[in-house]
Protein backbone atom coordinates (compact mmCIF):
# COMPACT_ATOMS: atom_id res chain seq x y z
CA MET A 1 107.62 92.26 110.48
CA SER A 2 107.65 94.11 113.81
CA GLN A 3 106.70 97.72 114.32
CA GLY A 4 109.30 100.08 112.94
CA SER A 5 111.07 97.48 110.80
CA ARG A 6 112.09 98.92 107.49
CA PHE A 7 113.67 98.21 104.16
CA VAL A 8 114.59 100.42 101.21
CA LEU A 9 113.54 99.99 97.60
CA CYS A 10 115.78 101.48 94.93
CA LEU A 11 113.45 102.63 92.18
CA VAL A 12 115.67 104.81 90.03
CA VAL A 13 115.62 102.60 86.93
CA ALA A 14 113.82 99.36 87.67
CA CYS A 15 110.66 101.05 88.90
CA GLY A 16 110.82 104.45 87.21
CA GLY A 17 109.16 105.84 84.15
CA ALA A 18 105.70 106.86 83.02
CA ARG A 19 103.25 105.34 80.59
CA SER A 20 100.74 107.33 78.62
CA ALA A 21 97.12 107.04 79.75
CA ASP A 22 96.10 105.94 76.26
CA LYS A 23 98.47 102.95 76.40
CA PRO A 24 97.14 100.83 79.27
CA TYR A 25 98.96 97.70 80.31
CA SER A 26 97.67 94.46 81.74
CA GLY A 27 99.12 92.58 84.69
CA SER A 28 102.17 94.06 86.35
CA PRO A 29 103.28 97.35 84.77
CA GLN A 30 105.89 97.27 82.03
CA ARG A 31 107.75 100.57 81.86
CA GLU A 32 109.21 102.51 78.97
CA SER A 33 111.58 105.50 79.08
CA PRO A 34 112.67 105.07 82.71
CA GLN A 35 112.85 108.27 84.73
CA PRO A 36 114.57 108.83 88.07
CA GLU A 37 112.36 108.40 91.11
CA PRO A 38 113.13 109.45 94.67
CA GLU A 39 114.25 106.65 96.95
CA LEU A 40 111.20 105.11 98.59
CA THR A 41 111.12 103.45 101.98
CA ILE A 42 108.62 100.92 103.26
CA SER A 43 107.93 100.29 106.92
CA THR A 44 105.20 98.57 108.90
CA ILE A 45 103.23 99.49 112.01
CA ALA A 46 101.95 96.55 114.03
CA LEU A 47 98.39 96.85 115.32
CA PRO A 48 97.29 95.27 118.61
CA GLY A 49 94.68 92.55 118.96
CA GLY A 50 95.36 90.59 115.80
CA THR A 51 94.18 86.98 115.59
CA ALA A 52 95.41 84.07 113.49
CA ASP A 53 93.23 85.49 110.72
CA GLY A 54 94.64 88.97 111.18
CA ILE A 55 92.63 92.18 111.60
CA ALA A 56 89.68 92.99 109.36
CA MET A 57 90.27 96.46 107.91
CA ASP A 58 88.43 98.32 105.17
CA TYR A 59 88.38 102.13 104.99
CA LEU A 60 91.12 104.21 106.61
CA LEU A 61 90.94 107.94 107.37
CA PHE A 62 93.58 110.65 107.69
CA ASP A 63 92.76 113.50 110.06
CA PRO A 64 95.01 116.44 109.07
CA ARG A 65 93.88 118.46 112.09
CA THR A 66 95.48 116.03 114.54
CA HIS A 67 97.92 114.38 112.11
CA ALA A 68 96.55 110.93 112.79
CA VAL A 69 95.43 107.96 110.73
CA TRP A 70 92.22 106.34 111.98
CA VAL A 71 92.06 102.57 111.52
CA PRO A 72 88.70 100.88 112.19
CA ALA A 73 89.98 97.47 113.26
CA GLY A 74 86.81 95.43 112.74
CA ASN A 75 87.10 92.10 114.50
CA THR A 76 89.02 93.59 117.46
CA GLY A 77 86.07 95.83 118.41
CA SER A 78 88.40 98.83 118.39
CA VAL A 79 89.56 101.80 116.36
CA ASP A 80 93.31 102.39 116.29
CA VAL A 81 94.54 105.99 115.99
CA VAL A 82 98.09 106.27 114.65
CA ASP A 83 100.23 109.38 115.14
CA THR A 84 101.92 110.09 111.79
CA ALA A 85 105.00 111.65 113.42
CA THR A 86 105.77 108.96 116.01
CA ALA A 87 103.81 105.90 114.74
CA LYS A 88 102.34 105.60 118.24
CA VAL A 89 99.08 103.60 118.23
CA THR A 90 96.26 104.59 120.60
CA ARG A 91 93.22 102.32 120.88
CA ILE A 92 89.60 103.32 121.20
CA GLU A 93 87.90 100.23 122.59
CA GLY A 94 84.33 99.20 123.30
CA PHE A 95 82.83 98.96 119.82
CA ALA A 96 80.37 96.11 119.23
CA THR A 97 81.21 93.10 117.07
CA GLN A 98 79.16 90.24 115.68
CA GLU A 99 79.91 86.96 113.95
CA LEU A 100 78.48 86.52 110.47
CA GLU A 101 78.49 83.68 108.00
CA ARG A 102 78.86 84.44 104.32
CA ARG A 103 79.37 81.87 101.60
CA GLY A 104 80.02 79.22 104.20
CA THR A 105 82.73 81.20 106.01
CA LYS A 106 82.31 82.72 109.47
CA ARG A 107 83.89 86.06 110.25
CA THR A 108 83.68 88.69 112.97
CA VAL A 109 82.80 92.23 111.94
CA GLY A 110 82.96 95.51 113.81
CA PRO A 111 84.03 99.11 113.10
CA SER A 112 84.91 99.43 109.43
CA SER A 113 84.77 103.06 108.25
CA ALA A 114 85.40 106.63 109.37
CA THR A 115 84.85 110.14 108.06
CA LEU A 116 86.10 113.55 109.16
CA GLY A 117 83.35 115.82 110.48
CA ASP A 118 83.35 119.40 111.74
CA ALA A 119 86.27 120.47 113.91
CA GLY A 120 86.63 118.06 116.81
CA THR A 121 84.64 115.18 115.38
CA VAL A 122 85.30 111.93 113.56
CA TYR A 123 82.38 109.63 112.69
CA VAL A 124 82.86 105.85 112.84
CA GLY A 125 80.63 103.30 111.11
CA ASN A 126 80.26 99.89 112.72
CA ARG A 127 79.09 96.70 111.01
CA GLY A 128 78.92 94.99 114.40
CA ASP A 129 75.75 96.76 115.55
CA PHE A 130 74.88 98.91 112.49
CA SER A 131 75.78 102.10 114.39
CA ILE A 132 77.32 105.42 113.39
CA CYS A 133 79.07 107.15 116.31
CA ALA A 134 80.63 110.57 116.74
CA VAL A 135 84.06 110.43 118.41
CA ASP A 136 86.04 113.36 119.81
CA GLU A 137 89.18 113.59 117.70
CA HIS A 138 91.25 114.93 120.63
CA THR A 139 90.08 113.00 123.69
CA LEU A 140 89.02 109.96 121.60
CA ALA A 141 85.84 109.73 123.70
CA LYS A 142 82.74 108.28 122.06
CA ARG A 143 79.81 110.69 121.96
CA THR A 144 76.42 110.49 120.20
CA CYS A 145 75.55 107.31 118.31
CA GLY A 146 72.74 106.44 115.91
CA THR A 147 71.66 102.97 114.78
CA LEU A 148 70.50 101.91 111.32
CA ASP A 149 68.36 98.94 110.29
CA ALA A 150 70.96 97.91 107.70
CA MET A 151 74.71 97.30 107.78
CA PRO A 152 76.77 100.43 107.03
CA ASP A 153 79.63 100.33 104.56
CA GLY A 154 81.16 103.67 103.56
CA ILE A 155 80.35 106.92 105.38
CA ALA A 156 80.93 110.53 104.31
CA PHE A 157 80.39 113.83 106.12
CA VAL A 158 78.70 116.49 103.95
CA ALA A 159 79.61 119.90 105.38
CA THR A 160 77.23 121.96 103.25
CA THR A 161 74.16 120.13 104.55
CA HIS A 162 75.62 119.07 107.93
CA GLU A 163 74.77 115.44 107.21
CA VAL A 164 76.43 112.04 107.26
CA TRP A 165 75.71 109.93 104.17
CA VAL A 166 76.05 106.17 104.65
CA THR A 167 76.13 103.55 101.92
CA THR A 168 74.18 100.40 102.87
CA PRO A 169 74.73 98.08 99.90
CA ARG A 170 73.09 95.02 101.43
CA ASP A 171 69.68 96.62 101.08
CA LYS A 172 70.65 98.71 98.02
CA SER A 173 70.33 102.11 99.65
CA ILE A 174 72.02 105.19 101.04
CA ARG A 175 71.00 106.55 104.46
CA ILE A 176 71.22 110.25 105.27
CA LEU A 177 71.74 111.19 108.92
CA ASP A 178 71.65 114.49 110.77
CA ALA A 179 75.28 115.08 111.73
CA THR A 180 74.39 116.36 115.23
CA THR A 181 71.81 113.82 116.39
CA LEU A 182 72.75 111.00 113.98
CA ALA A 183 69.03 110.41 113.47
CA GLN A 184 68.08 109.16 110.03
CA LYS A 185 66.57 111.84 107.78
CA ALA A 186 66.14 109.88 104.56
CA ARG A 187 66.65 106.54 102.83
CA LEU A 188 67.53 106.60 99.13
CA PRO A 189 66.79 103.28 97.35
CA PHE A 190 68.66 102.13 94.23
CA GLU A 191 68.52 99.28 91.75
CA GLY A 192 72.05 98.23 92.62
CA GLU A 193 74.55 98.14 95.48
CA PRO A 194 76.20 101.47 96.37
CA GLU A 195 79.97 101.18 96.72
CA GLY A 196 82.38 104.05 97.25
CA PHE A 197 81.65 107.69 98.00
CA ALA A 198 82.82 111.20 97.23
CA VAL A 199 81.37 114.63 97.96
CA ASP A 200 81.33 117.71 95.71
CA GLY A 201 79.95 120.37 98.03
CA ALA A 202 80.56 123.24 95.60
CA HIS A 203 78.23 121.73 93.00
CA GLY A 204 75.91 120.03 95.48
CA ARG A 205 76.61 116.43 94.50
CA PHE A 206 77.33 113.11 96.15
CA TYR A 207 79.00 110.41 94.05
CA THR A 208 78.72 106.67 94.46
CA ASN A 209 79.00 103.54 92.30
CA LEU A 210 76.52 100.77 91.75
CA GLU A 211 79.12 98.04 91.90
CA ASP A 212 76.88 95.25 90.56
CA LYS A 213 75.63 97.45 87.68
CA ASP A 214 79.01 98.90 86.64
CA GLN A 215 77.64 102.42 86.98
CA THR A 216 78.71 105.65 88.67
CA LEU A 217 76.00 107.99 89.97
CA ALA A 218 75.89 111.72 90.69
CA ILE A 219 73.20 112.46 93.29
CA ALA A 220 71.90 115.94 94.13
CA LEU A 221 72.53 116.79 97.78
CA ASP A 222 69.36 118.88 98.08
CA THR A 223 66.70 116.93 96.15
CA HIS A 224 68.37 113.48 96.45
CA ALA A 225 67.58 112.92 92.76
CA ILE A 226 70.03 111.12 90.47
CA ALA A 227 71.55 113.95 88.45
CA ALA A 228 73.64 111.75 86.15
CA THR A 229 74.51 108.11 85.50
CA TRP A 230 77.88 107.27 83.96
CA GLN A 231 79.44 104.09 82.62
CA PRO A 232 83.01 103.60 83.86
CA LYS A 233 83.16 100.18 82.14
CA CYS A 234 85.11 98.48 84.91
CA GLY A 235 83.81 95.01 83.95
CA GLU A 236 82.09 92.32 85.99
CA ASP A 237 83.85 93.33 89.25
CA GLY A 238 82.36 96.78 88.87
CA PRO A 239 83.70 100.11 90.15
CA HIS A 240 84.86 100.43 93.77
CA GLY A 241 86.42 103.46 95.46
CA LEU A 242 86.01 107.12 94.44
CA ARG A 243 87.88 110.39 94.98
CA PHE A 244 86.68 113.80 93.81
CA VAL A 245 89.38 116.26 92.71
CA GLU A 246 88.16 119.67 93.81
CA GLY A 247 88.77 122.60 91.49
CA GLU A 248 89.38 120.35 88.49
CA GLY A 249 86.02 118.63 88.23
CA ARG A 250 87.54 115.16 87.97
CA LEU A 251 86.15 112.06 89.63
CA LEU A 252 88.67 109.25 90.11
CA VAL A 253 87.16 105.77 89.95
CA ALA A 254 88.92 102.59 91.08
CA CYS A 255 88.28 99.46 89.04
CA SER A 256 89.90 96.21 90.18
CA ALA A 257 92.90 96.59 87.87
CA GLU A 258 92.38 100.01 86.29
CA LEU A 259 91.79 103.64 87.19
CA ARG A 260 89.37 106.02 85.50
CA ALA A 261 89.14 109.82 85.55
CA ILE A 262 85.68 111.15 84.72
CA ASP A 263 84.96 114.76 83.74
CA THR A 264 82.01 115.53 86.02
CA ALA A 265 80.77 118.33 83.74
CA THR A 266 80.27 115.99 80.77
CA GLY A 267 80.43 112.49 82.23
CA THR A 268 83.20 111.63 79.79
CA VAL A 269 86.01 109.27 80.77
CA VAL A 270 89.07 111.45 80.10
CA GLY A 271 91.72 109.22 81.67
CA THR A 272 92.31 105.47 81.88
CA LEU A 273 95.25 103.60 83.36
CA ALA A 274 95.83 99.92 84.07
CA VAL A 275 97.34 99.21 87.49
CA ASP A 276 98.18 96.23 89.69
CA ASP A 277 95.20 93.95 90.34
CA GLY A 278 93.15 94.00 93.51
CA VAL A 279 92.37 97.71 93.90
CA ASP A 280 89.44 98.51 96.19
CA ASP A 281 89.90 102.13 97.27
CA LEU A 282 92.36 104.82 96.18
CA ASP A 283 93.58 108.22 97.36
CA TYR A 284 94.75 111.47 95.80
CA ASP A 285 97.34 114.04 96.88
CA ALA A 286 96.18 117.39 95.49
CA ALA A 287 99.50 119.12 96.25
CA THR A 288 101.44 116.82 93.92
CA HIS A 289 98.59 115.71 91.61
CA THR A 290 99.41 112.13 92.51
CA VAL A 291 97.07 109.12 92.66
CA TYR A 292 97.81 106.12 94.88
CA ALA A 293 96.13 102.74 94.35
CA GLY A 294 97.05 99.61 96.30
CA GLY A 295 96.61 96.35 94.42
CA ALA A 296 95.88 93.68 97.04
CA LYS A 297 96.15 90.71 94.69
CA ALA A 298 99.42 91.92 93.19
CA GLY A 299 100.85 93.17 96.49
CA ALA A 300 101.92 96.48 94.95
CA LEU A 301 101.12 100.18 95.17
CA ALA A 302 100.65 102.04 91.88
CA ILE A 303 101.69 105.68 91.90
CA ALA A 304 100.30 107.77 89.03
CA THR A 305 100.10 111.41 87.96
CA LEU A 306 96.81 113.13 87.11
CA ALA A 307 97.23 115.75 84.38
CA PRO A 308 95.00 118.87 84.13
CA THR A 309 93.31 117.20 81.15
CA GLY A 310 92.40 114.22 83.30
CA ALA A 311 94.96 111.95 81.66
CA LEU A 312 96.57 109.40 84.00
CA ALA A 313 100.23 108.41 83.68
CA LEU A 314 102.01 105.75 85.71
CA ARG A 315 105.07 106.94 87.61
CA THR A 316 106.02 103.69 89.32
CA HIS A 317 104.68 100.77 91.25
CA VAL A 318 106.06 99.73 94.61
CA PRO A 319 106.02 96.12 95.89
CA THR A 320 104.24 96.10 99.27
CA ARG A 321 102.53 92.98 100.70
CA PRO A 322 99.91 90.64 99.22
CA GLY A 323 96.61 91.89 100.58
CA ALA A 324 97.78 95.47 101.29
CA ARG A 325 95.09 97.86 100.05
CA ASN A 326 92.99 101.00 100.59
CA GLY A 327 95.86 103.42 101.09
CA VAL A 328 95.43 106.94 102.46
CA VAL A 329 97.89 109.81 101.98
CA ALA A 330 99.02 111.32 105.27
CA ASP A 331 101.88 113.76 105.86
CA GLY A 332 104.04 112.56 102.98
CA LYS A 333 103.35 108.87 103.49
CA VAL A 334 100.82 106.36 102.19
CA TYR A 335 99.29 104.05 104.80
CA LEU A 336 97.83 100.77 103.51
CA ALA A 337 95.69 98.30 105.44
CA HIS A 338 97.31 94.86 105.59
CA GLY A 339 94.74 92.77 107.42
CA LYS A 340 96.46 89.41 107.19
CA GLY A 341 99.56 90.84 108.84
CA SER A 342 97.62 92.82 111.48
CA GLU A 343 99.58 95.88 110.40
CA LEU A 344 99.75 99.00 108.31
CA VAL A 345 102.22 99.11 105.43
CA VAL A 346 103.67 102.61 105.15
CA VAL A 347 105.29 103.90 101.95
CA ALA A 348 107.26 107.14 102.29
CA VAL A 349 109.39 109.24 99.95
CA ALA A 350 112.77 109.84 101.57
CA LYS A 351 113.87 113.47 101.92
CA ARG A 352 116.87 114.50 99.87
């Protein structure tokens, strides 16, 4: 579908209704007690440089200061910056790429993650040359870069310590960088592969999962010690993405086909909800207490409500595209990476 193409989904009865968090479903959601939902629209934004295999995309970032979605577009060696008001795509080129072989399949990797730093700065992680680079969020000029000795995955800016924390699952570690110089300050080794990230600056914690151990860790920002280890019980696929809900002490955990809400004070799982299969990352809109999780295998976006108790209730699920995942909330829309189609799938609630 070309940029700007659009169709409308009527979700008043067929897709409406909530399900209690203590009544999880399996497979595609089955709804009871349908409730009216606003009309939802789905559009797509074409990204430049796609190949026959599409564009390799992983983590997306919304910058609320410039109202732009940052899209590290791996195999193109670029980062695409999308204006949320106009859908205009601006490319930042010149990032390194490299060809890798994994399980007998060759693929090209490049920029794959981004995090919002202090005013004026976005940090970009690159699998192509193992670098972390600071980029000016206004001019889009690349500034200071640092290079690791392991491939970066997720990156997170920690304002309270002025650091960039980088998960490097291939060597089972997290790297901590000075946010100004991007020089490495510390390497934290683990017994498993860190996947996902969330920061709780108020309580001095960094959260990650050990995907291959089915564990979620709370790490002290100051001492780097493991403060707590929790069991989300995601199964053999393990836990993936994380979001911390500030002010409520809830940590949202994405399993492949379920969501968890953990009370970070006690480590107790207080909310569980089955969603469409193929979830990697998720996002949360604090203003509406809404969780968004794109199921790549199912080709659907689950939209759920987080209660003050931590209970999760399904509102609806929206058919998107097979492979669409890792959505970010941005100015009333959810942007999902659809690598195979070299595009973003955008789900928006129509104004009434």
